[in-house]
Amino acid sequence: MDLNWEKLFKRYVWHDERTPYLTRVANLTRVQAQYELFGYALFMAVLSALLCIVTLAPSLPHGGAAVVPLYAFSVCCAAVVLGFTRHPWAAGWCALAPLAALAYFGTWGFHPSLASGEKALLVGVALAGLLYSARAVLVARAWQFRFSEPE
């Protein structure tokens, strides 16, 4: 049995239309922008829904403060709105989530059982999420101004 690894890679991992993450926003097609916004909205909705449930635990550093799960729920709602409407305001609200995570770490600190490397990893993931979230806002703005009318 001969496997065509390039074909399998393009089919499941990297597809020019479905995974346009290295394409400049100005060069995106309507389909590419649609796939990118859908993927971002799905990721943010699932992540914030999980965080909404997990942050209800009083054993976390915020001690059961209601603002944390409420904010996570609002991000989940914004991600759902982004998935359906592709509105830039919804993308902007989702893009604030990495900043909120950094503010959380600055305000309440990290879980006491985390090592220094794990803390650095969490901060690095939040910063990477912040960088990608800026792109998602740009794609949503491009959708509103370039792709809002049907083809």
N, C-alpha and C. Protein backbone atom coordinates (compact mmCIF):
# COMPACT_ATOMS: atom_id res chain seq x y z
N MET A 1 0.85 -1.17 0.00
CA MET A 1 0.00 0.00 0.00
C MET A 1 0.90 1.24 0.00
N ASP A 2 0.69 2.08 -0.99
CA ASP A 2 1.50 3.29 -1.12
C ASP A 2 0.68 4.49 -0.66
N LEU A 3 1.20 5.20 0.35
CA LEU A 3 0.51 6.38 0.86
C LEU A 3 1.10 7.63 0.24
N ASN A 4 0.25 8.51 -0.20
CA ASN A 4 0.68 9.79 -0.72
C ASN A 4 0.60 10.80 0.41
N TRP A 5 1.72 10.99 1.11
CA TRP A 5 1.75 11.83 2.30
C TRP A 5 1.42 13.29 2.00
N GLU A 6 1.85 13.76 0.85
CA GLU A 6 1.55 15.15 0.51
C GLU A 6 0.05 15.36 0.33
N LYS A 7 -0.60 14.42 -0.31
CA LYS A 7 -2.04 14.52 -0.51
C LYS A 7 -2.78 14.42 0.83
N LEU A 8 -2.36 13.51 1.69
CA LEU A 8 -2.99 13.38 3.00
C LEU A 8 -2.76 14.62 3.85
N PHE A 9 -1.57 15.19 3.79
CA PHE A 9 -1.26 16.40 4.55
C PHE A 9 -2.15 17.55 4.09
N LYS A 10 -2.26 17.72 2.77
CA LYS A 10 -3.08 18.80 2.23
C LYS A 10 -4.56 18.56 2.51
N ARG A 11 -4.96 17.31 2.61
CA ARG A 11 -6.37 17.03 2.84
C ARG A 11 -6.77 17.24 4.29
N TYR A 12 -5.92 16.85 5.24
CA TYR A 12 -6.32 16.87 6.64
C TYR A 12 -5.65 17.96 7.48
N VAL A 13 -4.50 18.44 7.08
CA VAL A 13 -3.78 19.41 7.91
C VAL A 13 -3.74 20.79 7.25
N TRP A 14 -3.31 20.86 6.03
CA TRP A 14 -3.11 22.14 5.39
C TRP A 14 -3.79 22.15 4.04
N HIS A 15 -4.86 22.92 3.93
CA HIS A 15 -5.60 23.05 2.69
C HIS A 15 -5.63 24.53 2.35
N ASP A 16 -5.35 24.88 1.10
CA ASP A 16 -5.23 26.29 0.72
C ASP A 16 -6.51 27.08 0.97
N GLU A 17 -7.66 26.46 0.79
CA GLU A 17 -8.93 27.17 1.01
C GLU A 17 -9.37 27.13 2.46
N ARG A 18 -9.15 26.00 3.14
CA ARG A 18 -9.71 25.84 4.49
C ARG A 18 -8.77 26.27 5.61
N THR A 19 -7.49 26.36 5.35
CA THR A 19 -6.55 26.80 6.38
C THR A 19 -5.65 27.90 5.82
N PRO A 20 -6.21 29.10 5.69
CA PRO A 20 -5.45 30.19 5.05
C PRO A 20 -4.67 31.05 6.03
N TYR A 21 -4.14 30.46 7.08
CA TYR A 21 -3.59 31.24 8.19
C TYR A 21 -2.30 31.98 7.85
N LEU A 22 -1.64 31.62 6.77
CA LEU A 22 -0.44 32.34 6.37
C LEU A 22 -0.71 33.30 5.21
N THR A 23 -1.95 33.39 4.78
CA THR A 23 -2.32 34.31 3.72
C THR A 23 -2.62 35.68 4.32
N ARG A 24 -2.10 36.72 3.69
CA ARG A 24 -2.38 38.08 4.18
C ARG A 24 -3.87 38.35 4.12
N VAL A 25 -4.37 39.15 5.04
CA VAL A 25 -5.80 39.44 5.10
C VAL A 25 -6.27 40.10 3.81
N ALA A 26 -5.45 40.95 3.23
CA ALA A 26 -5.83 41.63 1.98
C ALA A 26 -5.97 40.66 0.82
N ASN A 27 -5.33 39.50 0.89
CA ASN A 27 -5.37 38.53 -0.20
C ASN A 27 -6.36 37.39 0.03
N LEU A 28 -7.10 37.43 1.12
CA LEU A 28 -8.05 36.35 1.41
C LEU A 28 -9.23 36.39 0.45
N THR A 29 -9.69 35.21 0.09
CA THR A 29 -10.92 35.12 -0.67
C THR A 29 -12.09 35.05 0.32
N ARG A 30 -13.29 35.13 -0.20
CA ARG A 30 -14.47 35.06 0.66
C ARG A 30 -14.53 33.73 1.41
N VAL A 31 -14.25 32.64 0.72
CA VAL A 31 -14.30 31.31 1.34
C VAL A 31 -13.23 31.18 2.41
N GLN A 32 -12.02 31.67 2.13
CA GLN A 32 -10.96 31.60 3.12
C GLN A 32 -11.30 32.40 4.36
N ALA A 33 -11.84 33.59 4.19
CA ALA A 33 -12.23 34.41 5.34
C ALA A 33 -13.34 33.73 6.13
N GLN A 34 -14.26 33.10 5.44
CA GLN A 34 -15.34 32.40 6.11
C GLN A 34 -14.80 31.24 6.95
N TYR A 35 -13.91 30.44 6.39
CA TYR A 35 -13.33 29.32 7.14
C TYR A 35 -12.51 29.81 8.33
N GLU A 36 -11.75 30.88 8.14
CA GLU A 36 -10.92 31.37 9.23
C GLU A 36 -11.76 31.91 10.38
N LEU A 37 -12.79 32.67 10.06
CA LEU A 37 -13.65 33.20 11.12
C LEU A 37 -14.44 32.09 11.82
N PHE A 38 -14.86 31.09 11.05
CA PHE A 38 -15.56 29.97 11.67
C PHE A 38 -14.66 29.20 12.62
N GLY A 39 -13.44 28.93 12.19
CA GLY A 39 -12.50 28.21 13.05
C GLY A 39 -12.18 28.99 14.32
N TYR A 40 -11.96 30.28 14.19
CA TYR A 40 -11.67 31.12 15.35
C TYR A 40 -12.87 31.17 16.29
N ALA A 41 -14.06 31.35 15.74
CA ALA A 41 -15.26 31.42 16.57
C ALA A 41 -15.52 30.10 17.29
N LEU A 42 -15.32 28.99 16.59
CA LEU A 42 -15.51 27.68 17.22
C LEU A 42 -14.51 27.46 18.34
N PHE A 43 -13.25 27.78 18.09
CA PHE A 43 -12.23 27.63 19.12
C PHE A 43 -12.53 28.49 20.34
N MET A 44 -12.87 29.76 20.11
CA MET A 44 -13.14 30.66 21.23
C MET A 44 -14.40 30.25 21.99
N ALA A 45 -15.42 29.78 21.29
CA ALA A 45 -16.66 29.36 21.95
C ALA A 45 -16.42 28.15 22.85
N VAL A 46 -15.71 27.16 22.33
CA VAL A 46 -15.46 25.95 23.13
C VAL A 46 -14.55 26.28 24.31
N LEU A 47 -13.48 27.03 24.06
CA LEU A 47 -12.55 27.37 25.14
C LEU A 47 -13.22 28.20 26.22
N SER A 48 -13.97 29.21 25.84
CA SER A 48 -14.59 30.07 26.85
C SER A 48 -15.74 29.35 27.56
N ALA A 49 -16.44 28.44 26.88
CA ALA A 49 -17.47 27.66 27.56
C ALA A 49 -16.86 26.75 28.63
N LEU A 50 -15.73 26.13 28.28
CA LEU A 50 -15.04 25.30 29.28
C LEU A 50 -14.53 26.15 30.45
N LEU A 51 -13.97 27.31 30.13
CA LEU A 51 -13.49 28.19 31.20
C LEU A 51 -14.63 28.70 32.06
N CYS A 52 -15.78 28.93 31.47
CA CYS A 52 -16.95 29.38 32.22
C CYS A 52 -17.33 28.35 33.27
N ILE A 53 -17.28 27.09 32.90
CA ILE A 53 -17.63 26.02 33.84
C ILE A 53 -16.53 25.81 34.87
N VAL A 54 -15.27 25.77 34.41
CA VAL A 54 -14.15 25.49 35.30
C VAL A 54 -13.96 26.60 36.33
N THR A 55 -14.17 27.86 35.93
CA THR A 55 -13.91 28.97 36.85
C THR A 55 -14.99 29.13 37.92
N LEU A 56 -15.99 28.28 37.91
CA LEU A 56 -16.96 28.30 39.00
C LEU A 56 -16.40 27.67 40.27
N ALA A 57 -15.30 26.96 40.17
CA ALA A 57 -14.70 26.31 41.33
C ALA A 57 -14.10 27.34 42.27
N PRO A 58 -14.41 27.28 43.55
CA PRO A 58 -13.88 28.26 44.50
C PRO A 58 -12.41 28.03 44.87
N SER A 59 -11.85 26.91 44.45
CA SER A 59 -10.45 26.62 44.82
C SER A 59 -9.43 27.32 43.93
N LEU A 60 -9.88 28.00 42.90
CA LEU A 60 -8.96 28.72 42.02
C LEU A 60 -8.51 30.02 42.67
N PRO A 61 -7.45 30.64 42.15
CA PRO A 61 -6.91 31.84 42.80
C PRO A 61 -7.89 33.00 42.93
N HIS A 62 -8.90 33.09 42.09
CA HIS A 62 -9.85 34.20 42.20
C HIS A 62 -10.88 33.97 43.29
N GLY A 63 -10.87 32.80 43.90
CA GLY A 63 -11.71 32.53 45.06
C GLY A 63 -13.20 32.58 44.79
N GLY A 64 -13.64 32.24 43.62
CA GLY A 64 -15.07 32.22 43.33
C GLY A 64 -15.65 33.57 42.97
N ALA A 65 -14.83 34.52 42.59
CA ALA A 65 -15.34 35.83 42.16
C ALA A 65 -16.22 35.64 40.93
N ALA A 66 -17.40 36.22 40.94
CA ALA A 66 -18.38 35.99 39.89
C ALA A 66 -17.99 36.62 38.56
N VAL A 67 -17.10 37.59 38.58
CA VAL A 67 -16.76 38.29 37.35
C VAL A 67 -16.03 37.38 36.36
N VAL A 68 -15.29 36.42 36.84
CA VAL A 68 -14.50 35.57 35.95
C VAL A 68 -15.39 34.65 35.10
N PRO A 69 -16.30 33.87 35.71
CA PRO A 69 -17.16 33.04 34.84
C PRO A 69 -18.13 33.87 34.00
N LEU A 70 -18.55 35.03 34.50
CA LEU A 70 -19.43 35.88 33.70
C LEU A 70 -18.72 36.41 32.47
N TYR A 71 -17.47 36.81 32.64
CA TYR A 71 -16.71 37.27 31.48
C TYR A 71 -16.49 36.13 30.49
N ALA A 72 -16.18 34.95 30.99
CA ALA A 72 -15.99 33.80 30.10
C ALA A 72 -17.28 33.49 29.34
N PHE A 73 -18.42 33.62 30.01
CA PHE A 73 -19.70 33.40 29.33
C PHE A 73 -19.95 34.46 28.27
N SER A 74 -19.58 35.70 28.56
CA SER A 74 -19.77 36.77 27.57
C SER A 74 -18.88 36.54 26.34
N VAL A 75 -17.68 36.02 26.55
CA VAL A 75 -16.82 35.69 25.41
C VAL A 75 -17.42 34.54 24.60
N CYS A 76 -18.00 33.57 25.29
CA CYS A 76 -18.65 32.46 24.59
C CYS A 76 -19.81 32.99 23.74
N CYS A 77 -20.60 33.89 24.30
CA CYS A 77 -21.71 34.48 23.53
C CYS A 77 -21.18 35.29 22.34
N ALA A 78 -20.13 36.06 22.56
CA ALA A 78 -19.55 36.83 21.46
C ALA A 78 -19.01 35.92 20.37
N ALA A 79 -18.44 34.79 20.75
CA ALA A 79 -17.93 33.84 19.75
C ALA A 79 -19.07 33.24 18.94
N VAL A 80 -20.18 32.97 19.58
CA VAL A 80 -21.35 32.46 18.84
C VAL A 80 -21.87 33.52 17.88
N VAL A 81 -21.95 34.77 18.36
CA VAL A 81 -22.38 35.86 17.49
C VAL A 81 -21.40 36.02 16.32
N LEU A 82 -20.10 35.92 16.60
CA LEU A 82 -19.10 36.01 15.54
C LEU A 82 -19.28 34.90 14.51
N GLY A 83 -19.55 33.70 14.98
CA GLY A 83 -19.74 32.58 14.07
C GLY A 83 -20.92 32.76 13.14
N PHE A 84 -21.99 33.39 13.64
CA PHE A 84 -23.18 33.57 12.81
C PHE A 84 -23.16 34.85 11.99
N THR A 85 -22.66 35.95 12.56
CA THR A 85 -22.75 37.24 11.87
C THR A 85 -21.44 37.73 11.29
N ARG A 86 -20.32 37.25 11.81
CA ARG A 86 -18.98 37.69 11.41
C ARG A 86 -18.79 39.19 11.63
N HIS A 87 -19.38 39.68 12.69
CA HIS A 87 -19.32 41.11 12.99
C HIS A 87 -18.00 41.45 13.69
N PRO A 88 -17.35 42.56 13.32
CA PRO A 88 -16.06 42.92 13.92
C PRO A 88 -16.14 43.22 15.41
N TRP A 89 -17.28 43.70 15.91
CA TRP A 89 -17.39 43.96 17.35
C TRP A 89 -17.34 42.66 18.13
N ALA A 90 -17.95 41.62 17.61
CA ALA A 90 -17.89 40.31 18.28
C ALA A 90 -16.46 39.78 18.25
N ALA A 91 -15.78 39.98 17.13
CA ALA A 91 -14.37 39.56 17.04
C ALA A 91 -13.52 40.36 18.01
N GLY A 92 -13.81 41.64 18.15
CA GLY A 92 -13.07 42.48 19.10
C GLY A 92 -13.27 42.04 20.53
N TRP A 93 -14.50 41.65 20.89
CA TRP A 93 -14.75 41.18 22.26
C TRP A 93 -14.00 39.87 22.50
N CYS A 94 -14.00 39.00 21.51
CA CYS A 94 -13.24 37.74 21.65
C CYS A 94 -11.74 38.01 21.73
N ALA A 95 -11.29 39.04 21.01
CA ALA A 95 -9.86 39.36 20.99
C ALA A 95 -9.37 39.89 22.32
N LEU A 96 -10.27 40.37 23.16
CA LEU A 96 -9.87 40.85 24.49
C LEU A 96 -9.63 39.72 25.49
N ALA A 97 -10.03 38.51 25.15
CA ALA A 97 -9.87 37.38 26.06
C ALA A 97 -8.42 37.11 26.46
N PRO A 98 -7.45 37.13 25.54
CA PRO A 98 -6.06 36.94 25.98
C PRO A 98 -5.58 38.05 26.92
N LEU A 99 -6.02 39.29 26.68
CA LEU A 99 -5.68 40.38 27.60
C LEU A 99 -6.32 40.15 28.95
N ALA A 100 -7.54 39.63 28.96
CA ALA A 100 -8.22 39.33 30.22
C ALA A 100 -7.49 38.21 30.96
N ALA A 101 -6.96 37.25 30.23
CA ALA A 101 -6.18 36.19 30.88
C ALA A 101 -4.92 36.75 31.51
N LEU A 102 -4.25 37.64 30.80
CA LEU A 102 -3.05 38.27 31.38
C LEU A 102 -3.42 39.13 32.59
N ALA A 103 -4.55 39.83 32.52
CA ALA A 103 -5.01 40.62 33.66
C ALA A 103 -5.36 39.71 34.84
N TYR A 104 -5.94 38.55 34.54
CA TYR A 104 -6.25 37.57 35.59
C TYR A 104 -4.97 37.12 36.29
N PHE A 105 -3.96 36.80 35.49
CA PHE A 105 -2.69 36.36 36.08
C PHE A 105 -2.06 37.47 36.90
N GLY A 106 -2.19 38.71 36.44
CA GLY A 106 -1.63 39.83 37.18
C GLY A 106 -2.40 40.14 38.44
N THR A 107 -3.70 39.95 38.44
CA THR A 107 -4.53 40.28 39.59
C THR A 107 -4.52 39.18 40.64
N TRP A 108 -4.83 37.95 40.22
CA TRP A 108 -4.97 36.86 41.17
C TRP A 108 -3.78 35.91 41.17
N GLY A 109 -2.89 36.04 40.24
CA GLY A 109 -1.73 35.15 40.19
C GLY A 109 -2.08 33.81 39.56
N PHE A 110 -1.16 32.89 39.70
CA PHE A 110 -1.31 31.56 39.13
C PHE A 110 -1.72 30.58 40.22
N HIS A 111 -2.15 29.42 39.79
CA HIS A 111 -2.46 28.35 40.75
C HIS A 111 -1.17 28.00 41.48
N PRO A 112 -1.21 27.79 42.78
CA PRO A 112 0.02 27.54 43.56
C PRO A 112 0.79 26.29 43.13
N SER A 113 0.13 25.34 42.51
CA SER A 113 0.82 24.10 42.15
C SER A 113 1.59 24.20 40.82
N LEU A 114 1.50 25.33 40.12
CA LEU A 114 2.18 25.46 38.84
C LEU A 114 3.66 25.81 39.03
N ALA A 115 4.50 25.19 38.23
CA ALA A 115 5.94 25.49 38.25
C ALA A 115 6.19 26.73 37.39
N SER A 116 7.40 27.25 37.46
CA SER A 116 7.75 28.47 36.72
C SER A 116 7.62 28.27 35.21
N GLY A 117 8.03 27.12 34.73
CA GLY A 117 7.92 26.84 33.29
C GLY A 117 6.47 26.80 32.83
N GLU A 118 5.59 26.25 33.65
CA GLU A 118 4.17 26.21 33.29
C GLU A 118 3.56 27.60 33.30
N LYS A 119 4.00 28.44 34.23
CA LYS A 119 3.52 29.83 34.26
C LYS A 119 3.98 30.57 33.01
N ALA A 120 5.22 30.38 32.62
CA ALA A 120 5.74 31.02 31.42
C ALA A 120 5.01 30.52 30.18
N LEU A 121 4.67 29.23 30.16
CA LEU A 121 3.92 28.67 29.04
C LEU A 121 2.53 29.30 28.95
N LEU A 122 1.86 29.47 30.07
CA LEU A 122 0.54 30.10 30.06
C LEU A 122 0.61 31.54 29.56
N VAL A 123 1.61 32.28 29.99
CA VAL A 123 1.76 33.66 29.52
C VAL A 123 2.08 33.67 28.03
N GLY A 124 2.93 32.76 27.59
CA GLY A 124 3.27 32.68 26.17
C GLY A 124 2.06 32.33 25.30
N VAL A 125 1.23 31.42 25.77
CA VAL A 125 0.02 31.05 25.03
C VAL A 125 -0.94 32.24 24.97
N ALA A 126 -1.05 32.98 26.06
CA ALA A 126 -1.92 34.16 26.07
C ALA A 126 -1.40 35.22 25.09
N LEU A 127 -0.10 35.41 25.05
CA LEU A 127 0.47 36.39 24.11
C LEU A 127 0.29 35.94 22.66
N ALA A 128 0.47 34.65 22.40
CA ALA A 128 0.25 34.13 21.05
C ALA A 128 -1.23 34.27 20.66
N GLY A 129 -2.11 34.01 21.60
CA GLY A 129 -3.54 34.21 21.34
C GLY A 129 -3.87 35.65 21.05
N LEU A 130 -3.18 36.56 21.73
CA LEU A 130 -3.39 37.99 21.49
C LEU A 130 -2.96 38.36 20.08
N LEU A 131 -1.84 37.82 19.63
CA LEU A 131 -1.38 38.10 18.27
C LEU A 131 -2.36 37.57 17.22
N TYR A 132 -2.83 36.35 17.42
CA TYR A 132 -3.76 35.79 16.44
C TYR A 132 -5.12 36.48 16.50
N SER A 133 -5.54 36.89 17.69
CA SER A 133 -6.83 37.57 17.82
C SER A 133 -6.86 38.88 17.05
N ALA A 134 -5.73 39.56 16.99
CA ALA A 134 -5.67 40.78 16.19
C ALA A 134 -5.93 40.46 14.72
N ARG A 135 -5.41 39.34 14.24
CA ARG A 135 -5.67 38.93 12.86
C ARG A 135 -7.15 38.61 12.67
N ALA A 136 -7.76 37.96 13.64
CA ALA A 136 -9.18 37.62 13.52
C ALA A 136 -10.04 38.87 13.43
N VAL A 137 -9.67 39.92 14.16
CA VAL A 137 -10.41 41.18 14.07
C VAL A 137 -10.24 41.78 12.68
N LEU A 138 -9.03 41.71 12.14
CA LEU A 138 -8.79 42.23 10.78
C LEU A 138 -9.59 41.45 9.74
N VAL A 139 -9.67 40.15 9.91
CA VAL A 139 -10.45 39.34 8.97
C VAL A 139 -11.93 39.69 9.08
N ALA A 140 -12.43 39.89 10.31
CA ALA A 140 -13.83 40.26 10.48
C ALA A 140 -14.12 41.63 9.88
N ARG A 141 -13.19 42.56 10.02
CA ARG A 141 -13.36 43.87 9.40
C ARG A 141 -13.34 43.74 7.88
N ALA A 142 -12.45 42.92 7.36
CA ALA A 142 -12.42 42.70 5.91
C ALA A 142 -13.72 42.05 5.45
N TRP A 143 -14.26 41.15 6.25
CA TRP A 143 -15.53 40.51 5.89
C TRP A 143 -16.63 41.55 5.79
N GLN A 144 -16.67 42.46 6.75
CA GLN A 144 -17.72 43.48 6.77
C GLN A 144 -17.61 44.41 5.57
N PHE A 145 -16.41 44.80 5.21
CA PHE A 145 -16.25 45.79 4.15
C PHE A 145 -16.08 45.20 2.76
N ARG A 146 -15.52 43.97 2.66
CA ARG A 146 -15.25 43.42 1.35
C ARG A 146 -16.20 42.30 0.96
N PHE A 147 -16.67 41.53 1.93
CA PHE A 147 -17.40 40.31 1.59
C PHE A 147 -18.84 40.30 2.08
N SER A 148 -19.36 41.40 2.58
CA SER A 148 -20.69 41.38 3.16
C SER A 148 -21.78 41.13 2.11
N GLU A 149 -21.57 41.55 0.88
CA GLU A 149 -22.56 41.28 -0.17
C GLU A 149 -22.30 39.89 -0.74
N PRO A 150 -23.38 39.13 -1.03
CA PRO A 150 -23.17 37.77 -1.57
C PRO A 150 -22.62 37.82 -2.99
N GLU A 151 -21.85 36.79 -3.30
CA GLU A 151 -21.24 36.71 -4.64
C GLU A 151 -22.20 36.12 -5.63
